[in-house]
C-alpha atoms as a PDB file:
ATOM      1  CA  MET A   1      -2.173   0.600  23.904  1.00  0.00           C
ATOM      2  CA  SER A   2       0.743   2.127  21.828  1.00  0.00           C
ATOM      3  CA  GLU A   3      -0.112   2.760  18.467  1.00  0.00           C
ATOM      4  CA  ARG A   4       3.025   0.225  17.922  1.00  0.00           C
ATOM      5  CA  VAL A   5       1.095  -2.477  19.334  1.00  0.00           C
ATOM      6  CA  CYS A   6      -1.921  -1.406  17.437  1.00  0.00           C
ATOM      7  CA  ARG A   7      -0.200  -1.149  14.152  1.00  0.00           C
ATOM      8  CA  ARG A   8       1.631  -5.027  15.103  1.00  0.00           C
ATOM      9  CA  ARG A   9      -1.706  -6.071  15.797  1.00  0.00           C
ATOM     10  CA  SER A  10      -3.568  -4.037  12.620  1.00  0.00           C
ATOM     11  CA  ALA A  11      -1.051  -6.512  10.409  1.00  0.00           C
ATOM     12  CA  LEU A  12      -2.221  -9.417  11.677  1.00  0.00           C
ATOM     13  CA  ILE A  13      -5.655  -9.289   9.447  1.00  0.00           C
ATOM     14  CA  VAL A  14      -4.317  -8.684   6.581  1.00  0.00           C
ATOM     15  CA  GLY A  15      -4.627 -12.373   4.573  1.00  0.00           C
ATOM     16  CA  ALA A  16      -5.019 -12.827   0.935  1.00  0.00           C
ATOM     17  CA  THR A  17      -8.147 -11.024   0.631  1.00  0.00           C
ATOM     18  CA  MET A  18      -7.557  -8.079   2.853  1.00  0.00           C
ATOM     19  CA  THR A  19      -4.186  -7.604   1.022  1.00  0.00           C
ATOM     20  CA  GLU A  20      -5.826  -7.036  -2.449  1.00  0.00           C
ATOM     21  CA  VAL A  21      -8.468  -4.670  -0.808  1.00  0.00           C
ATOM     22  CA  MET A  22      -6.184  -2.719   1.062  1.00  0.00           C
ATOM     23  CA  ALA A  23      -3.477  -2.204  -2.231  1.00  0.00           C
ATOM     24  CA  ALA A  24      -6.229  -1.528  -4.018  1.00  0.00           C
ATOM     25  CA  TYR A  25      -7.737   1.248  -1.796  1.00  0.00           C
ATOM     26  CA  GLY A  26      -6.035   1.917   1.126  1.00  0.00           C
ATOM     27  CA  ASP A  27      -5.423   5.590  -0.712  1.00  0.00           C
ATOM     28  CA  GLY A  28      -4.167   7.741   2.796  1.00  0.00           C
ATOM     29  CA  ILE A  29      -2.448   5.817   4.932  1.00  0.00           C
ATOM     30  CA  ALA A  30       1.359   6.309   3.998  1.00  0.00           C
ATOM     31  CA  ALA A  31       0.335   9.864   2.815  1.00  0.00           C
ATOM     32  CA  ALA A  32      -1.165  10.563   6.323  1.00  0.00           C
ATOM     33  CA  ALA A  33       1.530   8.976   8.378  1.00  0.00           C
ATOM     34  CA  GLY A  34       4.314  10.899   7.282  1.00  0.00           C
ATOM     35  CA  THR A  35       8.011  10.851   6.861  1.00  0.00           C
ATOM     36  CA  SER A  36       8.343   9.539  10.963  1.00  0.00           C
ATOM     37  CA  GLY A  37       4.852   7.396  10.830  1.00  0.00           C
ATOM     38  CA  SER A  38       3.350  10.130  13.701  1.00  0.00           C
ATOM     39  CA  ARG A  39       2.093  13.195  13.692  1.00  0.00           C
ATOM     40  CA  ALA A  40       1.032  15.789  16.715  1.00  0.00           C
ATOM     41  CA  ILE A  41      -2.721  16.500  17.257  1.00  0.00           C
ATOM     42  CA  HIS A  42      -3.946  19.434  18.540  1.00  0.00           C
ATOM     43  CA  VAL A  43      -6.419  19.270  21.131  1.00  0.00           C
ATOM     44  CA  TYR A  44      -9.068  22.769  21.250  1.00  0.00           C
ATOM     45  CA  PRO A  45     -11.576  23.146  24.076  1.00  0.00           C
ATOM     46  CA  VAL A  46     -14.902  21.848  23.608  1.00  0.00           C
ATOM     47  CA  SER A  47     -16.253  25.636  24.292  1.00  0.00           C
ATOM     48  CA  ASN A  48     -14.672  26.434  20.356  1.00  0.00           C
ATOM     49  CA  TYR A  49     -17.185  24.941  18.877  1.00  0.00           C
ATOM     50  CA  THR A  50     -20.776  25.377  17.941  1.00  0.00           C
ATOM     51  CA  PHE A  51     -23.624  22.636  17.598  1.00  0.00           C
ATOM     52  CA  GLY A  52     -26.581  22.951  15.790  1.00  0.00           C
ATOM     53  CA  SER A  53     -29.003  19.981  13.581  1.00  0.00           C
ATOM     54  CA  LYS A  54     -30.090  19.116  10.402  1.00  0.00           C
ATOM     55  CA  ALA A  55     -32.698  16.668   8.644  1.00  0.00           C
ATOM     56  CA  SER A  56     -32.952  13.449  10.004  1.00  0.00           C
ATOM     57  CA  LYS A  57     -31.176  10.135   8.426  1.00  0.00           C
ATOM     58  CA  PRO A  58     -33.273   7.448   8.362  1.00  0.00           C
ATOM     59  CA  ASP A  59     -32.877   4.240  10.628  1.00  0.00           C
ATOM     60  CA  LYS A  60     -31.559   1.810   8.063  1.00  0.00           C
ATOM     61  CA  ASP A  61     -32.097  -1.034  11.079  1.00  0.00           C
ATOM     62  CA  ALA A  62     -34.221  -1.147  13.947  1.00  0.00           C
ATOM     63  CA  THR A  63     -32.352  -4.480  15.347  1.00  0.00           C
ATOM     64  CA  VAL A  64     -28.725  -5.638  15.782  1.00  0.00           C
ATOM     65  CA  ALA A  65     -30.442  -8.903  13.807  1.00  0.00           C
ATOM     66  CA  GLU A  66     -31.428  -6.643  11.099  1.00  0.00           C
ATOM     67  CA  ALA A  67     -28.443  -4.936  10.717  1.00  0.00           C
ATOM     68  CA  MET A  68     -27.198  -8.244  10.559  1.00  0.00           C
ATOM     69  CA  ILE A  69     -29.364  -9.835   7.735  1.00  0.00           C
ATOM     70  CA  ARG A  70     -28.833  -6.558   5.561  1.00  0.00           C
ATOM     71  CA  LEU A  71     -25.011  -7.005   6.137  1.00  0.00           C
ATOM     72  CA  LYS A  72     -24.961 -10.187   4.729  1.00  0.00           C
ATOM     73  CA  ASP A  73     -27.232  -9.607   1.902  1.00  0.00           C
ATOM     74  CA  LYS A  74     -24.898  -7.212   0.516  1.00  0.00           C
ATOM     75  CA  TYR A  75     -22.080  -9.167   1.140  1.00  0.00           C
ATOM     76  CA  GLU A  76     -23.592 -11.507  -1.277  1.00  0.00           C
ATOM     77  CA  ARG A  77     -23.922  -8.796  -3.785  1.00  0.00           C
ATOM     78  CA  GLU A  78     -20.737  -6.770  -3.300  1.00  0.00           C
ATOM     79  CA  GLY A  79     -18.447  -8.708  -1.048  1.00  0.00           C
ATOM     80  CA  MET A  80     -16.683  -7.690   2.140  1.00  0.00           C
ATOM     81  CA  ARG A  81     -18.203  -4.300   3.643  1.00  0.00           C
ATOM     82  CA  ARG A  82     -15.330  -1.441   4.081  1.00  0.00           C
ATOM     83  CA  THR A  83     -15.580   1.108   6.807  1.00  0.00           C
ATOM     84  CA  VAL A  84     -13.770   4.114   8.188  1.00  0.00           C
ATOM     85  CA  GLU A  85     -14.198   5.525  11.137  1.00  0.00           C
ATOM     86  CA  ALA A  86     -12.846   8.927  13.154  1.00  0.00           C
ATOM     87  CA  ILE A  87     -11.316   9.730  16.359  1.00  0.00           C
ATOM     88  CA  LEU A  88     -11.809  13.375  16.802  1.00  0.00           C
ATOM     89  CA  LEU A  89     -10.609  14.641  20.601  1.00  0.00           C
ATOM     90  CA  VAL A  90     -11.676  17.932  22.410  1.00  0.00           C
ATOM     91  CA  ASN A  91     -10.748  19.204  25.516  1.00  0.00           C
ATOM     92  CA  GLN A  92     -13.348  19.405  28.243  1.00  0.00           C
ATOM     93  CA  HIS A  93     -12.409  20.144  31.855  1.00  0.00           C
ATOM     94  CA  ASP A  94      -8.887  19.698  30.899  1.00  0.00           C
ATOM     95  CA  HIS A  95      -8.933  16.404  29.896  1.00  0.00           C
ATOM     96  CA  PRO A  96      -9.219  15.059  26.263  1.00  0.00           C
ATOM     97  CA  HIS A  97     -12.578  13.847  25.365  1.00  0.00           C
ATOM     98  CA  VAL A  98     -13.715  11.689  22.419  1.00  0.00           C
ATOM     99  CA  LEU A  99     -16.565  12.897  19.900  1.00  0.00           C
ATOM    100  CA  LEU A 100     -19.583  10.027  19.744  1.00  0.00           C
ATOM    101  CA  LEU A 101     -22.397   9.639  17.893  1.00  0.00           C
ATOM    102  CA  GLN A 102     -25.192   8.538  20.157  1.00  0.00           C
ATOM    103  CA  ARG A 103     -28.244   6.919  18.510  1.00  0.00           C
ATOM    104  CA  THR A 104     -31.757   5.958  20.149  1.00  0.00           C
ATOM    105  CA  MET A 105     -32.580   2.211  18.346  1.00  0.00           C
ATOM    106  CA  PRO A 106     -36.543   1.660  17.494  1.00  0.00           C
ATOM    107  CA  GLY A 107     -36.361  -0.906  19.868  1.00  0.00           C
ATOM    108  CA  GLY A 108     -35.212   1.558  23.030  1.00  0.00           C
ATOM    109  CA  GLY A 109     -31.577   0.959  23.045  1.00  0.00           C
ATOM    110  CA  VAL A 110     -28.825   2.960  22.708  1.00  0.00           C
ATOM    111  CA  GLU A 111     -25.970   3.046  20.289  1.00  0.00           C
ATOM    112  CA  TYR A 112     -22.467   4.786  20.340  1.00  0.00           C
ATOM    113  CA  LYS A 113     -20.435   4.832  17.748  1.00  0.00           C
ATOM    114  CA  LEU A 114     -17.532   7.278  16.177  1.00  0.00           C
ATOM    115  CA  PRO A 115     -18.147   9.345  13.286  1.00  0.00           C
ATOM    116  CA  GLY A 116     -17.649   7.707   9.706  1.00  0.00           C
ATOM    117  CA  GLY A 117     -19.497   4.744   7.583  1.00  0.00           C
ATOM    118  CA  ARG A 118     -19.368   2.702   4.704  1.00  0.00           C
ATOM    119  CA  LEU A 119     -17.122   3.248   1.735  1.00  0.00           C
ATOM    120  CA  ARG A 120     -18.559   3.422  -1.619  1.00  0.00           C
ATOM    121  CA  HIS A 121     -17.377   0.351  -3.972  1.00  0.00           C
ATOM    122  CA  GLY A 122     -13.926   1.378  -5.446  1.00  0.00           C
ATOM    123  CA  GLU A 123     -13.759   4.384  -2.828  1.00  0.00           C
ATOM    124  CA  GLY A 124     -10.244   4.880  -1.146  1.00  0.00           C
ATOM    125  CA  GLU A 125     -10.098   5.506   2.577  1.00  0.00           C
ATOM    126  CA  VAL A 126      -9.480   8.819   3.319  1.00  0.00           C
ATOM    127  CA  ALA A 127     -11.994  10.376   0.668  1.00  0.00           C
ATOM    128  CA  GLY A 128     -14.574   8.223   1.736  1.00  0.00           C
ATOM    129  CA  LEU A 129     -14.191   9.220   5.808  1.00  0.00           C
ATOM    130  CA  GLN A 130     -14.029  13.022   4.605  1.00  0.00           C
ATOM    131  CA  ARG A 131     -16.847  12.179   2.887  1.00  0.00           C
ATOM    132  CA  LYS A 132     -18.934  10.868   5.480  1.00  0.00           C
ATOM    133  CA  LEU A 133     -17.427  13.036   8.276  1.00  0.00           C
ATOM    134  CA  HIS A 134     -19.301  16.067   5.838  1.00  0.00           C
ATOM    135  CA  ASN A 135     -22.354  13.907   5.916  1.00  0.00           C
ATOM    136  CA  LYS A 136     -22.452  13.377   9.322  1.00  0.00           C
ATOM    137  CA  LEU A 137     -20.996  16.749  11.095  1.00  0.00           C
ATOM    138  CA  SER A 138     -21.186  19.435   8.672  1.00  0.00           C
ATOM    139  CA  PRO A 139     -24.053  21.907   8.263  1.00  0.00           C
ATOM    140  CA  ALA A 140     -25.718  21.726   4.933  1.00  0.00           C
ATOM    141  CA  GLU A 141     -25.051  25.236   4.240  1.00  0.00           C
ATOM    142  CA  GLN A 142     -21.535  25.317   2.211  1.00  0.00           C
ATOM    143  CA  SER A 143     -19.915  28.912   3.977  1.00  0.00           C
ATOM    144  CA  LEU A 144     -20.470  27.049   7.394  1.00  0.00           C
ATOM    145  CA  ARG A 145     -18.577  23.618   6.499  1.00  0.00           C
ATOM    146  CA  VAL A 146     -15.397  22.488   7.376  1.00  0.00           C
ATOM    147  CA  SER A 147     -13.400  23.382   3.925  1.00  0.00           C
ATOM    148  CA  ASP A 148     -11.523  19.558   4.565  1.00  0.00           C
ATOM    149  CA  TRP A 149     -11.394  17.333   7.077  1.00  0.00           C
ATOM    150  CA  GLU A 150      -7.772  16.981   7.778  1.00  0.00           C
ATOM    151  CA  CYS A 151      -7.103  12.972   8.448  1.00  0.00           C
ATOM    152  CA  GLY A 152      -4.247  11.806   9.876  1.00  0.00           C
ATOM    153  CA  ASP A 153      -2.354   8.487  10.849  1.00  0.00           C
ATOM    154  CA  CYS A 154      -4.173   5.211  10.562  1.00  0.00           C
ATOM    155  CA  VAL A 155      -3.773   3.549  14.073  1.00  0.00           C
ATOM    156  CA  ALA A 156      -6.549   0.802  14.118  1.00  0.00           C
ATOM    157  CA  ARG A 157      -7.764  -2.349  11.752  1.00  0.00           C
ATOM    158  CA  TRP A 158     -10.865  -4.341  12.983  1.00  0.00           C
ATOM    159  CA  CYS A 159     -12.160  -7.113  11.204  1.00  0.00           C
ATOM    160  CA  ARG A 160     -15.406  -8.717  11.514  1.00  0.00           C
ATOM    161  CA  PRO A 161     -15.057 -12.526  10.479  1.00  0.00           C
ATOM    162  CA  ALA A 162     -18.885 -13.756  10.299  1.00  0.00           C
ATOM    163  CA  PHE A 163     -22.101 -12.362  10.266  1.00  0.00           C
ATOM    164  CA  GLU A 164     -22.296 -11.127  14.111  1.00  0.00           C
ATOM    165  CA  PRO A 165     -22.197  -8.117  15.645  1.00  0.00           C
ATOM    166  CA  ASN A 166     -17.923  -9.197  17.308  1.00  0.00           C
ATOM    167  CA  TYR A 167     -14.906  -6.900  15.966  1.00  0.00           C
ATOM    168  CA  TYR A 168     -11.223  -8.642  16.129  1.00  0.00           C
ATOM    169  CA  PRO A 169      -8.056  -7.129  16.051  1.00  0.00           C
ATOM    170  CA  TYR A 170      -6.678  -9.810  13.678  1.00  0.00           C
ATOM    171  CA  LEU A 171      -8.063 -12.226  11.153  1.00  0.00           C
ATOM    172  CA  PRO A 172      -8.908 -15.708  12.815  1.00  0.00           C
ATOM    173  CA  ALA A 173      -6.358 -18.191  11.416  1.00  0.00           C
ATOM    174  CA  HIS A 174      -9.503 -20.080  10.031  1.00  0.00           C
ATOM    175  CA  VAL A 175     -11.292 -17.246   8.524  1.00  0.00           C
ATOM    176  CA  THR A 176     -10.379 -16.745   4.815  1.00  0.00           C
ATOM    177  CA  LYS A 177     -13.233 -14.337   3.830  1.00  0.00           C
ATOM    178  CA  PRO A 178     -14.133 -11.639   6.280  1.00  0.00           C
ATOM    179  CA  LYS A 179     -17.200 -10.077   6.013  1.00  0.00           C
ATOM    180  CA  GLU A 180     -16.069  -6.586   7.014  1.00  0.00           C
ATOM    181  CA  SER A 181     -12.797  -4.578   7.835  1.00  0.00           C
ATOM    182  CA  ARG A 182     -12.952  -1.219   9.980  1.00  0.00           C
ATOM    183  CA  THR A 183     -10.173   1.222   9.717  1.00  0.00           C
ATOM    184  CA  VAL A 184      -9.895   3.969  12.655  1.00  0.00           C
ATOM    185  CA  TYR A 185      -8.031   6.987  11.900  1.00  0.00           C
ATOM    186  CA  ILE A 186      -7.171  10.255  14.050  1.00  0.00           C
ATOM    187  CA  ALA A 187      -8.181  13.490  12.580  1.00  0.00           C
ATOM    188  CA  GLN A 188      -7.106  16.648  13.357  1.00  0.00           C
ATOM    189  CA  LEU A 189      -9.877  19.421  14.090  1.00  0.00           C
ATOM    190  CA  PRO A 190     -10.002  22.809  13.087  1.00  0.00           C
ATOM    191  CA  GLU A 191      -9.565  25.452  16.094  1.00  0.00           C
ATOM    192  CA  ARG A 192     -13.011  26.534  15.362  1.00  0.00           C
ATOM    193  CA  CYS A 193     -16.224  25.381  13.542  1.00  0.00           C
ATOM    194  CA  LYS A 194     -19.357  24.457  13.812  1.00  0.00           C
ATOM    195  CA  PHE A 195     -21.231  20.952  13.817  1.00  0.00           C
ATOM    196  CA  ALA A 196     -24.308  19.891  12.725  1.00  0.00           C
ATOM    197  CA  VAL A 197     -25.662  16.379  13.161  1.00  0.00           C
ATOM    198  CA  PRO A 198     -28.649  14.887  12.321  1.00  0.00           C
ATOM    199  CA  LYS A 199     -32.057  15.438  14.606  1.00  0.00           C
ATOM    200  CA  ASN A 200     -32.093  11.556  15.215  1.00  0.00           C
ATOM    201  CA  LEU A 201     -28.330  11.668  16.604  1.00  0.00           C
ATOM    202  CA  LYS A 202     -26.695  13.283  19.195  1.00  0.00           C
ATOM    203  CA  LEU A 203     -22.830  14.244  19.669  1.00  0.00           C
ATOM    204  CA  LEU A 204     -21.388  13.779  22.847  1.00  0.00           C
ATOM    205  CA  ALA A 205     -17.974  14.562  24.255  1.00  0.00           C
ATOM    206  CA  VAL A 206     -17.019  11.275  26.373  1.00  0.00           C
ATOM    207  CA  SER A 207     -14.190  11.488  28.669  1.00  0.00           C
ATOM    208  CA  LEU A 208     -10.746   8.911  27.555  1.00  0.00           C
ATOM    209  CA  PHE A 209     -11.950   7.310  31.310  1.00  0.00           C
ATOM    210  CA  LEU A 210     -15.144   5.832  29.962  1.00  0.00           C
ATOM    211  CA  PHE A 211     -13.237   3.851  27.432  1.00  0.00           C
END
């Protein structure tokens, strides 16, 4: 799907509630896009990177049903959840691959996600995404960390209209209060760096052919 189509579809989810949220918190969208609205992304060989681990992050939900219950509880206290994620590309076998985090669920299932996570109240999208990338991918040692994750264009916005697992690339006409907004940025990896992920997660390079 082209960037133009993604942006056109993304605009459809901006209802009254979403407009207010994006006006308050969308701190990096226009700046990241630049004057031309797009930028080149340099994709480096996966062999340029080293991979390690750090302390595990406790699982908050054992099942999808538990995740929906927690989402509902949070929504009643804090309002719509805002989530940001990053597309990180590497070159393997002369083909672009996307870095995904794999988590084995307590019930035995497997979950795959782009690196990222939930924003804090009042936190900007770009600043929050940089914090989440450090949290999920950076080594604990400050000297080994990427100094600043370079978040580029906003390439997609998704909406969760109800307390259900499904996301939509638009806001259904009958929904006035979406439960979650999910924004995806493409981020520029440095030419070389070290990744360190929690021990209960795995960082995988997945071919674009599998999407």
